């Protein structure tokens, strides 16, 4: 059962990381201005802060899911079997 949960978490991690990349790319807005006789043309880049925040949050959650999936896959039971609990 732990392996299935870890695989689902890895799937969601990949999805969140891909959505983070899409959000990061969508956050960049480029506007090109034509040149005149007096001034040369140039391109201005503007970033949209909510999309950058969304991208950062998606990457953080995706990273946490990867860490949790790895921990689930390789973790053993903490308590040894056959030991009675202390009361």
PDB file of N, CA and C in Angstrom:
ATOM      1  N   UNK A   1       0.810  -1.197   0.000  1.00  0.00           N
ATOM      2  CA  UNK A   1       0.000   0.000   0.000  1.00  0.00           C
ATOM      3  C   UNK A   1       0.854   1.262   0.000  1.00  0.00           C
ATOM      4  N   UNK A   2       1.975   1.217   0.754  1.00  0.00           N
ATOM      5  CA  UNK A   2       2.845   2.379   0.801  1.00  0.00           C
ATOM      6  C   UNK A   2       3.419   2.703  -0.571  1.00  0.00           C
ATOM      7  N   UNK A   3       3.722   1.661  -1.331  1.00  0.00           N
ATOM      8  CA  UNK A   3       4.303   1.890  -2.664  1.00  0.00           C
ATOM      9  C   UNK A   3       3.302   2.586  -3.584  1.00  0.00           C
ATOM     10  N   UNK A   4       2.026   2.220  -3.491  1.00  0.00           N
ATOM     11  CA  UNK A   4       1.021   2.852  -4.339  1.00  0.00           C
ATOM     12  C   UNK A   4       0.863   4.321  -3.974  1.00  0.00           C
ATOM     13  N   UNK A   5       0.866   4.608  -2.696  1.00  0.00           N
ATOM     14  CA  UNK A   5       0.755   6.003  -2.262  1.00  0.00           C
ATOM     15  C   UNK A   5       1.964   6.792  -2.735  1.00  0.00           C
ATOM     16  N   UNK A   6       3.145   6.183  -2.651  1.00  0.00           N
ATOM     17  CA  UNK A   6       4.360   6.857  -3.110  1.00  0.00           C
ATOM     18  C   UNK A   6       4.297   7.116  -4.616  1.00  0.00           C
ATOM     19  N   UNK A   7       3.782   6.175  -5.390  1.00  0.00           N
ATOM     20  CA  UNK A   7       3.662   6.382  -6.835  1.00  0.00           C
ATOM     21  C   UNK A   7       2.662   7.489  -7.160  1.00  0.00           C
ATOM     22  N   UNK A   8       1.561   7.539  -6.429  1.00  0.00           N
ATOM     23  CA  UNK A   8       0.576   8.608  -6.638  1.00  0.00           C
ATOM     24  C   UNK A   8       1.192   9.958  -6.283  1.00  0.00           C
ATOM     25  N   UNK A   9       1.951   9.997  -5.190  1.00  0.00           N
ATOM     26  CA  UNK A   9       2.617  11.243  -4.809  1.00  0.00           C
ATOM     27  C   UNK A   9       3.623  11.676  -5.859  1.00  0.00           C
ATOM     28  N   UNK A  10       4.365  10.733  -6.419  1.00  0.00           N
ATOM     29  CA  UNK A  10       5.316  11.087  -7.480  1.00  0.00           C
ATOM     30  C   UNK A  10       4.592  11.605  -8.714  1.00  0.00           C
ATOM     31  N   UNK A  11       3.447  11.010  -9.030  1.00  0.00           N
ATOM     32  CA  UNK A  11       2.666  11.505 -10.162  1.00  0.00           C
ATOM     33  C   UNK A  11       2.194  12.931  -9.945  1.00  0.00           C
ATOM     34  N   UNK A  12       1.688  13.210  -8.742  1.00  0.00           N
ATOM     35  CA  UNK A  12       1.266  14.570  -8.436  1.00  0.00           C
ATOM     36  C   UNK A  12       2.454  15.528  -8.411  1.00  0.00           C
ATOM     37  N   UNK A  13       3.610  15.056  -7.953  1.00  0.00           N
ATOM     38  CA  UNK A  13       4.800  15.909  -7.928  1.00  0.00           C
ATOM     39  C   UNK A  13       5.196  16.312  -9.341  1.00  0.00           C
ATOM     40  N   UNK A  14       5.174  15.363 -10.265  1.00  0.00           N
ATOM     41  CA  UNK A  14       5.503  15.681 -11.656  1.00  0.00           C
ATOM     42  C   UNK A  14       4.492  16.671 -12.227  1.00  0.00           C
ATOM     43  N   UNK A  15       3.217  16.465 -11.913  1.00  0.00           N
ATOM     44  CA  UNK A  15       2.174  17.377 -12.384  1.00  0.00           C
ATOM     45  C   UNK A  15       2.377  18.781 -11.821  1.00  0.00           C
ATOM     46  N   UNK A  16       2.652  18.884 -10.524  1.00  0.00           N
ATOM     47  CA  UNK A  16       2.847  20.190  -9.904  1.00  0.00           C
ATOM     48  C   UNK A  16       4.092  20.887 -10.457  1.00  0.00           C
ATOM     49  N   UNK A  17       5.165  20.129 -10.659  1.00  0.00           N
ATOM     50  CA  UNK A  17       6.377  20.734 -11.198  1.00  0.00           C
ATOM     51  C   UNK A  17       6.165  21.217 -12.633  1.00  0.00           C
ATOM     52  N   UNK A  18       5.438  20.458 -13.434  1.00  0.00           N
ATOM     53  CA  UNK A  18       5.148  20.886 -14.804  1.00  0.00           C
ATOM     54  C   UNK A  18       4.267  22.134 -14.806  1.00  0.00           C
ATOM     55  N   UNK A  19       3.278  22.172 -13.928  1.00  0.00           N
ATOM     56  CA  UNK A  19       2.426  23.363 -13.825  1.00  0.00           C
ATOM     57  C   UNK A  19       3.222  24.570 -13.328  1.00  0.00           C
ATOM     58  N   UNK A  20       4.199  24.337 -12.472  1.00  0.00           N
ATOM     59  CA  UNK A  20       5.061  25.421 -12.012  1.00  0.00           C
ATOM     60  C   UNK A  20       5.881  26.012 -13.147  1.00  0.00           C
ATOM     61  N   UNK A  21       6.375  25.151 -14.037  1.00  0.00           N
ATOM     62  CA  UNK A  21       7.135  25.637 -15.194  1.00  0.00           C
ATOM     63  C   UNK A  21       6.234  26.442 -16.123  1.00  0.00           C
ATOM     64  N   UNK A  22       5.032  25.958 -16.357  1.00  0.00           N
ATOM     65  CA  UNK A  22       4.088  26.682 -17.217  1.00  0.00           C
ATOM     66  C   UNK A  22       3.742  28.038 -16.601  1.00  0.00           C
ATOM     67  N   UNK A  23       3.518  28.072 -15.303  1.00  0.00           N
ATOM     68  CA  UNK A  23       3.195  29.318 -14.627  1.00  0.00           C
ATOM     69  C   UNK A  23       4.366  30.295 -14.676  1.00  0.00           C
ATOM     70  N   UNK A  24       5.570  29.793 -14.508  1.00  0.00           N
ATOM     71  CA  UNK A  24       6.761  30.653 -14.553  1.00  0.00           C
ATOM     72  C   UNK A  24       6.921  31.273 -15.935  1.00  0.00           C
ATOM     73  N   UNK A  25       6.694  30.465 -16.975  1.00  0.00           N
ATOM     74  CA  UNK A  25       6.813  30.995 -18.340  1.00  0.00           C
ATOM     75  C   UNK A  25       5.701  31.986 -18.660  1.00  0.00           C
ATOM     76  N   UNK A  26       4.510  31.768 -18.111  1.00  0.00           N
ATOM     77  CA  UNK A  26       3.401  32.679 -18.366  1.00  0.00           C
ATOM     78  C   UNK A  26       3.558  33.986 -17.606  1.00  0.00           C
ATOM     79  N   UNK A  27       4.391  34.003 -16.586  1.00  0.00           N
ATOM     80  CA  UNK A  27       4.569  35.201 -15.774  1.00  0.00           C
ATOM     81  C   UNK A  27       5.401  36.259 -16.490  1.00  0.00           C
ATOM     82  N   UNK A  28       6.096  35.885 -17.534  1.00  0.00           N
ATOM     83  CA  UNK A  28       6.962  36.832 -18.246  1.00  0.00           C
ATOM     84  C   UNK A  28       6.195  37.421 -19.432  1.00  0.00           C
ATOM     85  N   UNK A  29       6.031  38.718 -19.437  1.00  0.00           N
ATOM     86  CA  UNK A  29       5.338  39.425 -20.517  1.00  0.00           C
ATOM     87  C   UNK A  29       6.344  40.340 -21.213  1.00  0.00           C
ATOM     88  N   UNK A  30       6.516  40.153 -22.503  1.00  0.00           N
ATOM     89  CA  UNK A  30       7.465  40.952 -23.269  1.00  0.00           C
ATOM     90  C   UNK A  30       6.694  41.885 -24.205  1.00  0.00           C
ATOM     91  N   UNK A  31       7.060  43.151 -24.190  1.00  0.00           N
ATOM     92  CA  UNK A  31       6.456  44.147 -25.068  1.00  0.00           C
ATOM     93  C   UNK A  31       7.573  44.777 -25.886  1.00  0.00           C
ATOM     94  N   UNK A  32       7.392  44.783 -27.199  1.00  0.00           N
ATOM     95  CA  UNK A  32       8.407  45.387 -28.074  1.00  0.00           C
ATOM     96  C   UNK A  32       7.919  46.751 -28.545  1.00  0.00           C
ATOM     97  N   UNK A  33       8.810  47.715 -28.468  1.00  0.00           N
ATOM     98  CA  UNK A  33       8.507  49.063 -28.892  1.00  0.00           C
ATOM     99  C   UNK A  33       9.305  49.370 -30.153  1.00  0.00           C
ATOM    100  N   UNK A  34       8.620  49.901 -31.127  1.00  0.00           N
ATOM    101  CA  UNK A  34       9.270  50.233 -32.399  1.00  0.00           C
ATOM    102  C   UNK A  34      10.135  51.481 -32.220  1.00  0.00           C
ATOM    103  N   UNK A  35      11.187  51.507 -32.963  1.00  0.00           N
ATOM    104  CA  UNK A  35      12.086  52.652 -32.897  1.00  0.00           C
ATOM    105  C   UNK A  35      11.607  53.800 -33.770  1.00  0.00           C
ATOM    106  N   UNK A  36      12.073  54.970 -33.430  1.00  0.00           N
ATOM    107  CA  UNK A  36      11.796  56.164 -34.235  1.00  0.00           C
ATOM    108  C   UNK A  36      13.133  56.704 -34.721  1.00  0.00           C
ATOM    109  N   UNK A  37      13.071  57.827 -35.354  1.00  0.00           N
ATOM    110  CA  UNK A  37      14.322  58.427 -35.822  1.00  0.00           C
ATOM    111  C   UNK A  37      15.190  58.885 -34.662  1.00  0.00           C
ATOM    112  N   UNK A  38      14.557  59.286 -33.590  1.00  0.00           N
ATOM    113  CA  UNK A  38      15.302  59.804 -32.448  1.00  0.00           C
ATOM    114  C   UNK A  38      15.711  58.719 -31.452  1.00  0.00           C
ATOM    115  N   UNK A  39      14.881  57.669 -31.323  1.00  0.00           N
ATOM    116  CA  UNK A  39      15.131  56.644 -30.309  1.00  0.00           C
ATOM    117  C   UNK A  39      15.160  55.262 -30.967  1.00  0.00           C
ATOM    118  N   UNK A  40      16.063  54.394 -30.493  1.00  0.00           N
ATOM    119  CA  UNK A  40      16.071  53.031 -31.038  1.00  0.00           C
ATOM    120  C   UNK A  40      14.930  52.197 -30.448  1.00  0.00           C
ATOM    121  N   UNK A  41      14.564  51.143 -31.131  1.00  0.00           N
ATOM    122  CA  UNK A  41      13.546  50.241 -30.617  1.00  0.00           C
ATOM    123  C   UNK A  41      14.100  49.380 -29.482  1.00  0.00           C
ATOM    124  N   UNK A  42      13.235  48.919 -28.633  1.00  0.00           N
ATOM    125  CA  UNK A  42      13.668  48.077 -27.517  1.00  0.00           C
ATOM    126  C   UNK A  42      12.527  47.167 -27.091  1.00  0.00           C
ATOM    127  N   UNK A  43      12.871  46.183 -26.285  1.00  0.00           N
ATOM    128  CA  UNK A  43      11.882  45.250 -25.745  1.00  0.00           C
ATOM    129  C   UNK A  43      11.881  45.391 -24.226  1.00  0.00           C
ATOM    130  N   UNK A  44      10.699  45.522 -23.656  1.00  0.00           N
ATOM    131  CA  UNK A  44      10.545  45.629 -22.203  1.00  0.00           C
ATOM    132  C   UNK A  44       9.966  44.318 -21.678  1.00  0.00           C
ATOM    133  N   UNK A  45      10.498  43.862 -20.572  1.00  0.00           N
ATOM    134  CA  UNK A  45      10.018  42.625 -19.949  1.00  0.00           C
ATOM    135  C   UNK A  45       9.364  42.992 -18.620  1.00  0.00           C
ATOM    136  N   UNK A  46       8.159  42.473 -18.424  1.00  0.00           N
ATOM    137  CA  UNK A  46       7.419  42.714 -17.184  1.00  0.00           C
ATOM    138  C   UNK A  46       7.034  41.354 -16.612  1.00  0.00           C
ATOM    139  N   UNK A  47       7.181  41.202 -15.317  1.00  0.00           N
ATOM    140  CA  UNK A  47       6.818  39.958 -14.653  1.00  0.00           C
ATOM    141  C   UNK A  47       5.526  40.139 -13.871  1.00  0.00           C
ATOM    142  N   UNK A  48       4.680  39.122 -13.884  1.00  0.00           N
ATOM    143  CA  UNK A  48       3.406  39.158 -13.170  1.00  0.00           C
ATOM    144  C   UNK A  48       3.610  38.459 -11.820  1.00  0.00           C
ATOM    145  N   UNK A  49       3.610  39.202 -10.715  1.00  0.00           N
ATOM    146  CA  UNK A  49       3.920  38.610  -9.406  1.00  0.00           C
ATOM    147  C   UNK A  49       3.010  37.468  -8.960  1.00  0.00           C
ATOM    148  N   UNK A  50       1.688  37.506  -9.173  1.00  0.00           N
ATOM    149  CA  UNK A  50       0.877  36.371  -8.715  1.00  0.00           C
ATOM    150  C   UNK A  50       1.246  35.054  -9.415  1.00  0.00           C
ATOM    151  N   UNK A  51       1.604  35.134 -10.683  1.00  0.00           N
ATOM    152  CA  UNK A  51       2.000  33.913 -11.378  1.00  0.00           C
ATOM    153  C   UNK A  51       3.360  33.414 -10.899  1.00  0.00           C
ATOM    154  N   UNK A  52       4.249  34.333 -10.556  1.00  0.00           N
ATOM    155  CA  UNK A  52       5.533  33.913  -9.982  1.00  0.00           C
ATOM    156  C   UNK A  52       5.330  33.259  -8.620  1.00  0.00           C
ATOM    157  N   UNK A  53       4.432  33.820  -7.819  1.00  0.00           N
ATOM    158  CA  UNK A  53       4.134  33.233  -6.517  1.00  0.00           C
ATOM    159  C   UNK A  53       3.510  31.852  -6.677  1.00  0.00           C
ATOM    160  N   UNK A  54       2.608  31.706  -7.642  1.00  0.00           N
ATOM    161  CA  UNK A  54       2.000  30.412  -7.908  1.00  0.00           C
ATOM    162  C   UNK A  54       3.048  29.395  -8.337  1.00  0.00           C
ATOM    163  N   UNK A  55       3.968  29.816  -9.205  1.00  0.00           N
ATOM    164  CA  UNK A  55       5.019  28.913  -9.655  1.00  0.00           C
ATOM    165  C   UNK A  55       5.895  28.456  -8.492  1.00  0.00           C
ATOM    166  N   UNK A  56       6.253  29.381  -7.619  1.00  0.00           N
ATOM    167  CA  UNK A  56       7.079  29.020  -6.454  1.00  0.00           C
ATOM    168  C   UNK A  56       6.337  28.064  -5.529  1.00  0.00           C
ATOM    169  N   UNK A  57       5.069  28.310  -5.301  1.00  0.00           N
ATOM    170  CA  UNK A  57       4.277  27.433  -4.427  1.00  0.00           C
ATOM    171  C   UNK A  57       4.143  26.037  -5.040  1.00  0.00           C
ATOM    172  N   UNK A  58       3.905  25.962  -6.343  1.00  0.00           N
ATOM    173  CA  UNK A  58       3.778  24.657  -6.995  1.00  0.00           C
ATOM    174  C   UNK A  58       5.079  23.865  -6.928  1.00  0.00           C
ATOM    175  N   UNK A  59       6.196  24.539  -7.127  1.00  0.00           N
ATOM    176  CA  UNK A  59       7.497  23.852  -7.056  1.00  0.00           C
ATOM    177  C   UNK A  59       7.780  23.384  -5.636  1.00  0.00           C
ATOM    178  N   UNK A  60       7.435  24.197  -4.634  1.00  0.00           N
ATOM    179  CA  UNK A  60       7.659  23.778  -3.246  1.00  0.00           C
ATOM    180  C   UNK A  60       6.804  22.565  -2.881  1.00  0.00           C
ATOM    181  N   UNK A  61       5.537  22.586  -3.265  1.00  0.00           N
ATOM    182  CA  UNK A  61       4.662  21.449  -2.960  1.00  0.00           C
ATOM    183  C   UNK A  61       5.126  20.207  -3.718  1.00  0.00           C
ATOM    184  N   UNK A  62       5.536  20.375  -4.969  1.00  0.00           N
ATOM    185  CA  UNK A  62       6.058  19.242  -5.729  1.00  0.00           C
ATOM    186  C   UNK A  62       7.313  18.655  -5.092  1.00  0.00           C
ATOM    187  N   UNK A  63       8.191  19.510  -4.607  1.00  0.00           N
ATOM    188  CA  UNK A  63       9.390  19.030  -3.921  1.00  0.00           C
ATOM    189  C   UNK A  63       9.067  18.290  -2.639  1.00  0.00           C
ATOM    190  N   UNK A  64       8.104  18.809  -1.882  1.00  0.00           N
ATOM    191  CA  UNK A  64       7.692  18.117  -0.655  1.00  0.00           C
ATOM    192  C   UNK A  64       7.076  16.756  -0.966  1.00  0.00           C
ATOM    193  N   UNK A  65       6.316  16.666  -2.045  1.00  0.00           N
ATOM    194  CA  UNK A  65       5.740  15.375  -2.429  1.00  0.00           C
ATOM    195  C   UNK A  65       6.826  14.379  -2.832  1.00  0.00           C
ATOM    196  N   UNK A  66       7.863  14.850  -3.511  1.00  0.00           N
ATOM    197  CA  UNK A  66       8.972  13.958  -3.872  1.00  0.00           C
ATOM    198  C   UNK A  66       9.670  13.458  -2.612  1.00  0.00           C
ATOM    199  N   UNK A  67       9.941  14.366  -1.675  1.00  0.00           N
ATOM    200  CA  UNK A  67      10.608  13.962  -0.430  1.00  0.00           C
ATOM    201  C   UNK A  67       9.756  12.958   0.332  1.00  0.00           C
ATOM    202  N   UNK A  68       8.446  13.204   0.402  1.00  0.00           N
ATOM    203  CA  UNK A  68       7.553  12.300   1.114  1.00  0.00           C
ATOM    204  C   UNK A  68       7.473  10.947   0.412  1.00  0.00           C
ATOM    205  N   UNK A  69       7.452  10.940  -0.914  1.00  0.00           N
ATOM    206  CA  UNK A  69       7.391   9.669  -1.655  1.00  0.00           C
ATOM    207  C   UNK A  69       8.658   8.849  -1.437  1.00  0.00           C
ATOM    208  N   UNK A  70       9.800   9.504  -1.432  1.00  0.00           N
ATOM    209  CA  UNK A  70      11.053   8.780  -1.179  1.00  0.00           C
ATOM    210  C   UNK A  70      11.081   8.249   0.236  1.00  0.00           C
ATOM    211  N   UNK A  71      10.622   9.051   1.191  1.00  0.00           N
ATOM    212  CA  UNK A  71      10.592   8.601   2.582  1.00  0.00           C
ATOM    213  C   UNK A  71       9.639   7.424   2.756  1.00  0.00           C
ATOM    214  N   UNK A  72       8.497   7.444   2.079  1.00  0.00           N
ATOM    215  CA  UNK A  72       7.557   6.329   2.167  1.00  0.00           C
ATOM    216  C   UNK A  72       8.122   5.063   1.546  1.00  0.00           C
ATOM    217  N   UNK A  73       8.863   5.227   0.467  1.00  0.00           N
ATOM    218  CA  UNK A  73       9.385   4.065  -0.239  1.00  0.00           C
ATOM    219  C   UNK A  73      10.469   3.336   0.549  1.00  0.00           C
ATOM    220  N   UNK A  74      11.317   4.099   1.218  1.00  0.00           N
ATOM    221  CA  UNK A  74      12.472   3.487   1.873  1.00  0.00           C
ATOM    222  C   UNK A  74      12.382   3.406   3.386  1.00  0.00           C
ATOM    223  N   UNK A  75      11.321   3.907   3.970  1.00  0.00           N
ATOM    224  CA  UNK A  75      11.204   3.900   5.428  1.00  0.00           C
ATOM    225  C   UNK A  75      10.742   2.530   5.917  1.00  0.00           C
ATOM    226  N   UNK A  76      11.260   2.153   7.048  1.00  0.00           N
ATOM    227  CA  UNK A  76      10.820   0.934   7.726  1.00  0.00           C
ATOM    228  C   UNK A  76      10.030   1.339   8.949  1.00  0.00           C
ATOM    229  N   UNK A  77       9.441   0.375   9.554  1.00  0.00           N
ATOM    230  CA  UNK A  77       8.690   0.647  10.767  1.00  0.00           C
ATOM    231  C   UNK A  77       9.637   1.132  11.852  1.00  0.00           C
ATOM    232  N   UNK A  78       9.212   2.117  12.622  1.00  0.00           N
ATOM    233  CA  UNK A  78      10.068   2.682  13.659  1.00  0.00           C
ATOM    234  C   UNK A  78      10.180   1.735  14.844  1.00  0.00           C
ATOM    235  N   UNK A  79       9.059   1.184  15.266  1.00  0.00           N
ATOM    236  CA  UNK A  79       9.057   0.296  16.424  1.00  0.00           C
ATOM    237  C   UNK A  79       9.398  -1.133  15.993  1.00  0.00           C
ATOM    238  N   UNK A  80      10.182  -1.796  16.799  1.00  0.00           N
ATOM    239  CA  UNK A  80      10.500  -3.192  16.517  1.00  0.00           C
ATOM    240  C   UNK A  80       9.329  -4.066  16.910  1.00  0.00           C
ATOM    241  N   UNK A  81       9.167  -5.125  16.212  1.00  0.00           N
ATOM    242  CA  UNK A  81       8.044  -6.029  16.510  1.00  0.00           C
ATOM    243  C   UNK A  81       8.424  -6.879  17.725  1.00  0.00           C
ATOM    244  N   UNK A  82       7.433  -7.189  18.511  1.00  0.00           N
ATOM    245  CA  UNK A  82       7.656  -8.046  19.659  1.00  0.00           C
ATOM    246  C   UNK A  82       7.961  -7.280  20.937  1.00  0.00           C
ATOM    247  N   UNK A  83       8.058  -5.969  20.851  1.00  0.00           N
ATOM    248  CA  UNK A  83       8.340  -5.166  22.043  1.00  0.00           C
ATOM    249  C   UNK A  83       7.022  -4.599  22.537  1.00  0.00           C
ATOM    250  N   UNK A  84       6.780  -4.801  23.819  1.00  0.00           N
ATOM    251  CA  UNK A  84       5.540  -4.334  24.432  1.00  0.00           C
ATOM    252  C   UNK A  84       5.659  -2.837  24.704  1.00  0.00           C
ATOM    253  N   UNK A  85       4.570  -2.086  24.530  1.00  0.00           N
ATOM    254  CA  UNK A  85       4.609  -0.647  24.853  1.00  0.00           C
ATOM    255  C   UNK A  85       4.719  -0.428  26.356  1.00  0.00           C
ATOM    256  N   UNK A  86       5.388   0.654  26.720  1.00  0.00           N
ATOM    257  CA  UNK A  86       5.510   0.989  28.136  1.00  0.00           C
ATOM    258  C   UNK A  86       4.270   1.699  28.614  1.00  0.00           C
ATOM    259  N   UNK A  87       3.764   1.277  29.752  1.00  0.00           N
ATOM    260  CA  UNK A  87       2.547   1.901  30.286  1.00  0.00           C
ATOM    261  C   UNK A  87       2.858   2.551  31.604  1.00  0.00           C
TER     262      UNK A  87
END
